[in-house]
């Protein structure tokens, strides 16, 4: 039996399992062989997709005997609504939604994510009401962004 690096092998298997519009956001392996995989999808990531991917990964890892003692666990989920956007693809997916952008100088801007390019995002903010309402559209280079979170509006 060949010796595998479990982390590299799990990532290779994951790349084969991810299909359609599902993509990897983050991948962690804890010392106790707890594998945490955070995914997203262009059309939304439902629990059904997570379960399907989890089962396929688990089966392949077991068949390859990556963890000979069988002492591993896998958690597949989305990063969560309150997690900052990490990938360009997540920004594109969230065009049209309300966001809170924290810049590297700690300035916080809230507004609508209007556009995303390879270099920057465009956010439109509205302050005031009625005749005193001011609408500002600004571009923020990715290099100036510390984090961006999607704002949930009810």
N, C-alpha and C. Protein backbone atom coordinates (compact mmCIF):
# COMPACT_ATOMS: atom_id res chain seq x y z
N UNK A 1 0.85 -1.20 0.00
CA UNK A 1 0.00 0.00 0.00
C UNK A 1 0.89 1.25 0.00
N UNK A 2 0.61 2.18 -0.88
CA UNK A 2 1.40 3.41 -0.97
C UNK A 2 1.09 4.33 0.20
N UNK A 3 2.09 5.12 0.55
CA UNK A 3 1.93 6.08 1.65
C UNK A 3 1.37 7.38 1.08
N UNK A 4 0.28 7.85 1.67
CA UNK A 4 -0.37 9.08 1.21
C UNK A 4 -0.17 10.18 2.23
N UNK A 5 -0.11 11.43 1.74
CA UNK A 5 -0.21 12.57 2.64
C UNK A 5 -1.71 12.84 2.73
N UNK A 6 -2.32 12.58 3.89
CA UNK A 6 -3.78 12.69 4.00
C UNK A 6 -4.35 14.03 3.55
N UNK A 7 -3.69 15.12 3.89
CA UNK A 7 -4.23 16.44 3.55
C UNK A 7 -4.26 16.63 2.03
N UNK A 8 -3.14 16.35 1.36
CA UNK A 8 -3.09 16.49 -0.09
C UNK A 8 -4.08 15.55 -0.77
N UNK A 9 -4.17 14.34 -0.26
CA UNK A 9 -5.06 13.34 -0.86
C UNK A 9 -6.52 13.75 -0.70
N UNK A 10 -6.89 14.24 0.48
CA UNK A 10 -8.27 14.69 0.69
C UNK A 10 -8.58 15.85 -0.25
N UNK A 11 -7.65 16.77 -0.43
CA UNK A 11 -7.87 17.89 -1.35
C UNK A 11 -8.04 17.39 -2.79
N UNK A 12 -7.23 16.40 -3.18
CA UNK A 12 -7.36 15.82 -4.53
C UNK A 12 -8.73 15.18 -4.71
N UNK A 13 -9.18 14.41 -3.71
CA UNK A 13 -10.49 13.76 -3.78
C UNK A 13 -11.58 14.82 -3.86
N UNK A 14 -11.45 15.87 -3.06
CA UNK A 14 -12.44 16.94 -3.03
C UNK A 14 -12.57 17.59 -4.41
N UNK A 15 -11.45 17.84 -5.06
CA UNK A 15 -11.50 18.44 -6.40
C UNK A 15 -12.28 17.57 -7.38
N UNK A 16 -12.17 16.25 -7.22
CA UNK A 16 -12.90 15.33 -8.10
C UNK A 16 -14.39 15.30 -7.76
N UNK A 17 -14.71 15.48 -6.48
CA UNK A 17 -16.10 15.39 -6.01
C UNK A 17 -16.89 16.66 -6.33
N UNK A 18 -16.22 17.82 -6.29
CA UNK A 18 -16.91 19.08 -6.52
C UNK A 18 -17.28 19.21 -7.99
N UNK A 19 -18.56 19.35 -8.22
CA UNK A 19 -19.06 19.48 -9.58
C UNK A 19 -20.03 20.65 -9.65
N UNK A 20 -20.51 20.85 -10.84
CA UNK A 20 -21.49 21.90 -11.10
C UNK A 20 -20.91 23.24 -10.69
N UNK A 21 -21.62 23.95 -9.82
CA UNK A 21 -21.20 25.30 -9.47
C UNK A 21 -20.64 25.38 -8.04
N UNK A 22 -20.33 24.24 -7.43
CA UNK A 22 -19.82 24.21 -6.06
C UNK A 22 -18.31 24.42 -6.07
N UNK A 23 -17.82 25.27 -5.13
CA UNK A 23 -16.39 25.54 -5.06
C UNK A 23 -15.91 25.59 -3.62
N UNK A 24 -14.62 25.30 -3.45
CA UNK A 24 -14.00 25.27 -2.13
C UNK A 24 -13.67 26.68 -1.66
N UNK A 25 -14.07 27.00 -0.42
CA UNK A 25 -13.73 28.29 0.18
C UNK A 25 -12.57 28.11 1.15
N UNK A 26 -12.68 27.08 2.00
CA UNK A 26 -11.64 26.85 3.01
C UNK A 26 -11.60 25.38 3.38
N UNK A 27 -10.42 24.92 3.77
CA UNK A 27 -10.19 23.52 4.09
C UNK A 27 -9.26 23.47 5.30
N UNK A 28 -9.65 22.77 6.36
CA UNK A 28 -8.84 22.67 7.57
C UNK A 28 -8.81 21.22 8.03
N UNK A 29 -7.68 20.80 8.57
CA UNK A 29 -7.59 19.49 9.21
C UNK A 29 -7.07 19.72 10.62
N UNK A 30 -7.88 19.34 11.60
CA UNK A 30 -7.49 19.48 13.01
C UNK A 30 -6.60 18.28 13.38
N UNK A 31 -5.78 18.41 14.43
CA UNK A 31 -4.87 17.33 14.82
C UNK A 31 -5.55 15.98 15.08
N UNK A 32 -6.80 15.97 15.43
CA UNK A 32 -7.50 14.71 15.71
C UNK A 32 -8.19 14.16 14.45
N UNK A 33 -7.64 14.51 13.28
CA UNK A 33 -8.17 14.06 11.99
C UNK A 33 -9.62 14.49 11.76
N UNK A 34 -9.96 15.66 12.26
CA UNK A 34 -11.26 16.26 11.99
C UNK A 34 -11.09 17.17 10.78
N UNK A 35 -11.72 16.78 9.68
CA UNK A 35 -11.59 17.51 8.43
C UNK A 35 -12.79 18.45 8.29
N UNK A 36 -12.49 19.76 8.20
CA UNK A 36 -13.55 20.76 8.05
C UNK A 36 -13.42 21.37 6.66
N UNK A 37 -14.52 21.28 5.92
CA UNK A 37 -14.53 21.78 4.55
C UNK A 37 -15.66 22.79 4.42
N UNK A 38 -15.29 23.99 3.98
CA UNK A 38 -16.28 25.04 3.78
C UNK A 38 -16.42 25.28 2.28
N UNK A 39 -17.63 25.11 1.79
CA UNK A 39 -17.93 25.23 0.37
C UNK A 39 -18.93 26.35 0.13
N UNK A 40 -19.00 26.77 -1.11
CA UNK A 40 -20.03 27.71 -1.53
C UNK A 40 -20.45 27.28 -2.93
N UNK A 41 -21.50 27.86 -3.43
CA UNK A 41 -21.97 27.54 -4.78
C UNK A 41 -22.57 28.79 -5.40
N UNK A 42 -22.39 28.92 -6.69
CA UNK A 42 -22.91 30.09 -7.40
C UNK A 42 -24.42 30.19 -7.27
N UNK A 43 -25.10 29.05 -7.23
CA UNK A 43 -26.56 29.06 -7.15
C UNK A 43 -27.07 28.78 -5.73
N UNK A 44 -26.19 28.88 -4.74
CA UNK A 44 -26.58 28.60 -3.36
C UNK A 44 -26.21 27.16 -2.99
N UNK A 45 -25.82 26.98 -1.76
CA UNK A 45 -25.37 25.67 -1.29
C UNK A 45 -26.35 25.16 -0.25
N UNK A 46 -27.21 24.25 -0.67
CA UNK A 46 -28.18 23.67 0.24
C UNK A 46 -27.59 22.52 1.03
N UNK A 47 -28.28 22.13 2.07
CA UNK A 47 -27.84 21.04 2.93
C UNK A 47 -27.71 19.74 2.14
N UNK A 48 -28.58 19.55 1.14
CA UNK A 48 -28.53 18.32 0.34
C UNK A 48 -27.19 18.16 -0.37
N UNK A 49 -26.69 19.27 -0.94
CA UNK A 49 -25.40 19.22 -1.62
C UNK A 49 -24.28 18.89 -0.63
N UNK A 50 -24.33 19.50 0.55
CA UNK A 50 -23.31 19.25 1.57
C UNK A 50 -23.30 17.77 1.99
N UNK A 51 -24.49 17.21 2.20
CA UNK A 51 -24.60 15.81 2.61
C UNK A 51 -24.05 14.89 1.53
N UNK A 52 -24.40 15.16 0.30
CA UNK A 52 -23.95 14.34 -0.83
C UNK A 52 -22.42 14.36 -0.94
N UNK A 53 -21.83 15.53 -0.85
CA UNK A 53 -20.38 15.68 -0.93
C UNK A 53 -19.71 14.99 0.26
N UNK A 54 -20.27 15.18 1.46
CA UNK A 54 -19.73 14.56 2.67
C UNK A 54 -19.69 13.04 2.51
N UNK A 55 -20.78 12.46 2.06
CA UNK A 55 -20.86 11.00 1.91
C UNK A 55 -19.86 10.47 0.89
N UNK A 56 -19.75 11.17 -0.23
CA UNK A 56 -18.81 10.73 -1.26
C UNK A 56 -17.37 10.81 -0.77
N UNK A 57 -17.03 11.90 -0.09
CA UNK A 57 -15.69 12.05 0.46
C UNK A 57 -15.39 10.97 1.50
N UNK A 58 -16.32 10.77 2.42
CA UNK A 58 -16.15 9.81 3.49
C UNK A 58 -15.89 8.41 2.91
N UNK A 59 -16.70 8.05 1.93
CA UNK A 59 -16.57 6.73 1.31
C UNK A 59 -15.20 6.55 0.65
N UNK A 60 -14.77 7.56 -0.10
CA UNK A 60 -13.48 7.45 -0.79
C UNK A 60 -12.31 7.42 0.19
N UNK A 61 -12.39 8.21 1.26
CA UNK A 61 -11.31 8.22 2.26
C UNK A 61 -11.23 6.86 2.95
N UNK A 62 -12.39 6.29 3.26
CA UNK A 62 -12.42 4.95 3.87
C UNK A 62 -11.83 3.90 2.93
N UNK A 63 -12.23 3.93 1.67
CA UNK A 63 -11.75 2.95 0.70
C UNK A 63 -10.24 3.04 0.49
N UNK A 64 -9.69 4.26 0.56
CA UNK A 64 -8.25 4.44 0.37
C UNK A 64 -7.47 4.16 1.65
N UNK A 65 -8.18 3.99 2.75
CA UNK A 65 -7.56 3.75 4.07
C UNK A 65 -6.55 4.83 4.41
N UNK A 66 -6.94 6.09 4.19
CA UNK A 66 -6.06 7.22 4.50
C UNK A 66 -5.78 7.30 6.00
N UNK A 67 -6.76 6.96 6.78
CA UNK A 67 -6.61 6.95 8.24
C UNK A 67 -6.84 5.50 8.66
N UNK A 68 -5.77 4.68 8.69
CA UNK A 68 -5.89 3.24 8.90
C UNK A 68 -6.69 2.83 10.14
N UNK A 69 -6.64 3.64 11.17
CA UNK A 69 -7.39 3.32 12.39
C UNK A 69 -8.87 3.70 12.26
N UNK A 70 -9.21 4.37 11.17
CA UNK A 70 -10.59 4.80 10.97
C UNK A 70 -10.98 5.98 11.84
N UNK A 71 -9.97 6.64 12.42
CA UNK A 71 -10.24 7.73 13.34
C UNK A 71 -10.22 9.09 12.64
N UNK A 72 -11.27 9.36 11.88
CA UNK A 72 -11.40 10.66 11.23
C UNK A 72 -12.87 11.05 11.16
N UNK A 73 -13.10 12.34 11.01
CA UNK A 73 -14.46 12.83 10.82
C UNK A 73 -14.40 13.93 9.77
N UNK A 74 -15.52 14.12 9.09
CA UNK A 74 -15.60 15.14 8.05
C UNK A 74 -16.81 16.02 8.33
N UNK A 75 -16.60 17.32 8.24
CA UNK A 75 -17.70 18.28 8.34
C UNK A 75 -17.69 19.10 7.05
N UNK A 76 -18.79 19.06 6.32
CA UNK A 76 -18.93 19.83 5.09
C UNK A 76 -20.05 20.83 5.31
N UNK A 77 -19.75 22.11 5.12
CA UNK A 77 -20.78 23.14 5.30
C UNK A 77 -20.42 24.38 4.49
N UNK A 78 -21.31 25.34 4.51
CA UNK A 78 -21.00 26.64 3.93
C UNK A 78 -20.32 27.44 5.04
N UNK A 79 -19.60 28.51 4.69
CA UNK A 79 -18.93 29.29 5.72
C UNK A 79 -19.91 29.96 6.70
N UNK A 80 -21.15 30.12 6.30
CA UNK A 80 -22.14 30.79 7.16
C UNK A 80 -22.39 32.21 6.68
N UNK A 81 -23.56 32.71 7.01
CA UNK A 81 -23.95 34.05 6.55
C UNK A 81 -23.09 35.15 7.14
N UNK A 82 -22.56 34.93 8.33
CA UNK A 82 -21.79 35.99 8.99
C UNK A 82 -20.29 35.91 8.69
N UNK A 83 -19.87 34.95 7.88
CA UNK A 83 -18.45 34.81 7.55
C UNK A 83 -18.07 35.82 6.45
N UNK A 84 -16.88 36.40 6.57
CA UNK A 84 -16.44 37.33 5.53
C UNK A 84 -16.24 36.61 4.19
N UNK A 85 -16.41 37.35 3.11
CA UNK A 85 -16.14 36.82 1.78
C UNK A 85 -14.63 36.63 1.64
N UNK A 86 -14.22 35.50 1.07
CA UNK A 86 -12.79 35.22 0.93
C UNK A 86 -12.34 35.16 -0.51
N UNK A 87 -13.22 34.74 -1.39
CA UNK A 87 -12.83 34.51 -2.78
C UNK A 87 -13.52 35.50 -3.73
N UNK A 88 -12.83 35.81 -4.82
CA UNK A 88 -13.39 36.68 -5.84
C UNK A 88 -14.75 36.15 -6.30
N UNK A 89 -14.84 34.84 -6.44
CA UNK A 89 -16.08 34.20 -6.90
C UNK A 89 -17.23 34.46 -5.94
N UNK A 90 -16.95 34.58 -4.64
CA UNK A 90 -18.00 34.89 -3.67
C UNK A 90 -18.48 36.33 -3.84
N UNK A 91 -17.57 37.25 -4.15
CA UNK A 91 -17.96 38.63 -4.39
C UNK A 91 -18.91 38.69 -5.60
N UNK A 92 -18.53 38.02 -6.68
CA UNK A 92 -19.35 38.02 -7.90
C UNK A 92 -20.73 37.45 -7.60
N UNK A 93 -20.77 36.37 -6.85
CA UNK A 93 -22.04 35.72 -6.50
C UNK A 93 -22.97 36.67 -5.72
N UNK A 94 -22.39 37.59 -4.97
CA UNK A 94 -23.18 38.47 -4.10
C UNK A 94 -23.44 39.86 -4.66
N UNK A 95 -23.19 40.06 -5.96
CA UNK A 95 -23.51 41.35 -6.59
C UNK A 95 -25.01 41.60 -6.40
N UNK A 96 -25.35 42.83 -6.02
CA UNK A 96 -26.75 43.20 -5.80
C UNK A 96 -27.18 43.11 -4.35
N UNK A 97 -26.32 42.54 -3.51
CA UNK A 97 -26.68 42.39 -2.09
C UNK A 97 -26.07 43.51 -1.27
N UNK A 98 -26.62 43.70 -0.09
CA UNK A 98 -26.11 44.70 0.85
C UNK A 98 -24.87 44.13 1.54
N UNK A 99 -23.80 44.95 1.62
CA UNK A 99 -22.56 44.50 2.24
C UNK A 99 -22.02 45.53 3.22
N UNK A 100 -21.17 45.05 4.11
CA UNK A 100 -20.41 45.91 5.00
C UNK A 100 -18.95 45.66 4.69
N UNK A 101 -18.27 46.70 4.22
CA UNK A 101 -16.87 46.59 3.83
C UNK A 101 -16.02 47.29 4.88
N UNK A 102 -15.06 46.55 5.45
CA UNK A 102 -14.11 47.13 6.38
C UNK A 102 -12.80 47.28 5.63
N UNK A 103 -12.32 48.52 5.57
CA UNK A 103 -11.08 48.79 4.85
C UNK A 103 -9.87 48.58 5.76
N UNK A 104 -8.70 48.52 5.17
CA UNK A 104 -7.48 48.28 5.95
C UNK A 104 -7.20 49.42 6.92
N UNK A 105 -7.74 50.62 6.66
CA UNK A 105 -7.57 51.74 7.60
C UNK A 105 -8.69 51.75 8.66
N UNK A 106 -9.47 50.67 8.71
CA UNK A 106 -10.56 50.43 9.66
C UNK A 106 -11.83 51.22 9.39
N UNK A 107 -11.89 51.94 8.27
CA UNK A 107 -13.11 52.61 7.85
C UNK A 107 -14.13 51.54 7.47
N UNK A 108 -15.38 51.74 7.87
CA UNK A 108 -16.44 50.79 7.54
C UNK A 108 -17.44 51.47 6.61
N UNK A 109 -17.74 50.82 5.50
CA UNK A 109 -18.69 51.35 4.52
C UNK A 109 -19.79 50.31 4.32
N UNK A 110 -21.04 50.76 4.41
CA UNK A 110 -22.17 49.88 4.15
C UNK A 110 -22.85 50.35 2.88
N UNK A 111 -23.30 49.40 2.07
CA UNK A 111 -23.99 49.77 0.85
C UNK A 111 -24.30 48.55 0.02
N UNK A 112 -24.68 48.82 -1.21
CA UNK A 112 -25.04 47.75 -2.15
C UNK A 112 -23.82 47.41 -3.01
N UNK A 113 -23.50 46.12 -3.10
CA UNK A 113 -22.40 45.67 -3.95
C UNK A 113 -22.90 45.70 -5.39
N UNK A 114 -22.42 46.67 -6.16
CA UNK A 114 -22.92 46.88 -7.52
C UNK A 114 -22.11 46.18 -8.60
N UNK A 115 -20.80 46.10 -8.39
CA UNK A 115 -19.94 45.52 -9.43
C UNK A 115 -18.67 44.96 -8.81
N UNK A 116 -18.08 43.99 -9.52
CA UNK A 116 -16.84 43.36 -9.08
C UNK A 116 -15.97 43.16 -10.32
N UNK A 117 -14.72 43.62 -10.24
CA UNK A 117 -13.74 43.34 -11.29
C UNK A 117 -12.60 42.55 -10.64
N UNK A 118 -11.57 42.29 -11.39
CA UNK A 118 -10.41 41.57 -10.81
C UNK A 118 -9.68 42.44 -9.80
N UNK A 119 -9.77 43.77 -9.93
CA UNK A 119 -9.01 44.68 -9.08
C UNK A 119 -9.81 45.35 -7.96
N UNK A 120 -11.11 45.57 -8.17
CA UNK A 120 -11.88 46.34 -7.18
C UNK A 120 -13.35 45.95 -7.15
N UNK A 121 -14.04 46.48 -6.12
CA UNK A 121 -15.49 46.34 -6.03
C UNK A 121 -16.10 47.74 -6.06
N UNK A 122 -17.35 47.82 -6.49
CA UNK A 122 -18.08 49.09 -6.50
C UNK A 122 -19.26 48.95 -5.54
N UNK A 123 -19.34 49.92 -4.59
CA UNK A 123 -20.39 49.90 -3.57
C UNK A 123 -21.13 51.24 -3.61
N UNK A 124 -22.48 51.16 -3.60
CA UNK A 124 -23.30 52.37 -3.56
C UNK A 124 -23.91 52.48 -2.17
N UNK A 125 -23.64 53.63 -1.51
CA UNK A 125 -24.14 53.89 -0.15
C UNK A 125 -25.17 55.01 -0.20
N UNK A 126 -26.17 54.90 0.65
CA UNK A 126 -27.19 55.93 0.76
C UNK A 126 -27.24 56.42 2.20
N UNK A 127 -27.13 57.74 2.39
CA UNK A 127 -27.25 58.32 3.73
C UNK A 127 -28.32 59.39 3.69
N UNK A 128 -28.97 59.59 4.83
CA UNK A 128 -30.02 60.59 4.92
C UNK A 128 -31.32 60.12 4.27
N UNK A 129 -32.35 60.99 4.38
CA UNK A 129 -33.66 60.66 3.81
C UNK A 129 -34.24 61.87 3.11
N UNK A 130 -35.18 61.59 2.22
CA UNK A 130 -35.89 62.68 1.53
C UNK A 130 -34.96 63.57 0.75
N UNK A 131 -35.13 64.92 0.95
CA UNK A 131 -34.31 65.89 0.22
C UNK A 131 -32.84 65.87 0.67
N UNK A 132 -32.59 65.34 1.87
CA UNK A 132 -31.22 65.30 2.39
C UNK A 132 -30.51 64.00 2.05
N UNK A 133 -31.16 63.17 1.25
CA UNK A 133 -30.57 61.87 0.90
C UNK A 133 -29.38 62.06 -0.04
N UNK A 134 -28.29 61.38 0.30
CA UNK A 134 -27.08 61.44 -0.52
C UNK A 134 -26.74 60.00 -0.94
N UNK A 135 -26.58 59.81 -2.25
CA UNK A 135 -26.20 58.51 -2.79
C UNK A 135 -24.78 58.64 -3.33
N UNK A 136 -23.89 57.77 -2.80
CA UNK A 136 -22.49 57.79 -3.23
C UNK A 136 -22.09 56.43 -3.76
N UNK A 137 -21.43 56.43 -4.89
CA UNK A 137 -20.90 55.18 -5.44
C UNK A 137 -19.38 55.30 -5.41
N UNK A 138 -18.74 54.29 -4.78
CA UNK A 138 -17.27 54.31 -4.65
C UNK A 138 -16.70 52.98 -5.06
N UNK A 139 -15.47 53.05 -5.56
CA UNK A 139 -14.72 51.84 -5.89
C UNK A 139 -13.68 51.60 -4.80
N UNK A 140 -13.55 50.34 -4.40
CA UNK A 140 -12.56 49.96 -3.40
C UNK A 140 -11.67 48.86 -3.96
N UNK A 141 -10.36 49.13 -4.09
CA UNK A 141 -9.45 48.08 -4.56
C UNK A 141 -9.39 46.95 -3.53
N UNK A 142 -9.27 45.72 -4.00
CA UNK A 142 -9.18 44.58 -3.09
C UNK A 142 -8.02 44.76 -2.11
N UNK A 143 -6.95 45.44 -2.54
CA UNK A 143 -5.79 45.66 -1.68
C UNK A 143 -6.11 46.53 -0.46
N UNK A 144 -7.20 47.33 -0.55
CA UNK A 144 -7.60 48.21 0.56
C UNK A 144 -8.68 47.58 1.44
N UNK A 145 -9.14 46.38 1.12
CA UNK A 145 -10.24 45.75 1.84
C UNK A 145 -9.70 44.75 2.87
N UNK A 146 -10.06 44.97 4.16
CA UNK A 146 -9.69 44.02 5.21
C UNK A 146 -10.67 42.87 5.22
N UNK A 147 -11.97 43.19 5.10
CA UNK A 147 -13.00 42.14 5.01
C UNK A 147 -14.30 42.72 4.47
N UNK A 148 -15.10 41.84 3.91
CA UNK A 148 -16.44 42.20 3.42
C UNK A 148 -17.40 41.14 3.91
N UNK A 149 -18.50 41.62 4.50
CA UNK A 149 -19.55 40.70 4.95
C UNK A 149 -20.86 41.08 4.30
N UNK A 150 -21.61 40.07 3.90
CA UNK A 150 -22.95 40.28 3.36
C UNK A 150 -23.86 40.61 4.53
N UNK A 151 -24.68 41.65 4.37
CA UNK A 151 -25.62 42.06 5.41
C UNK A 151 -26.98 41.45 5.15
N UNK A 152 -27.54 40.85 6.16
CA UNK A 152 -28.85 40.23 6.03
C UNK A 152 -29.90 41.28 6.38
N UNK A 153 -30.79 41.53 5.44
CA UNK A 153 -31.86 42.53 5.66
C UNK A 153 -33.21 41.81 5.71
N UNK A 154 -34.00 42.17 6.68
CA UNK A 154 -35.34 41.58 6.81
C UNK A 154 -36.40 42.59 6.52
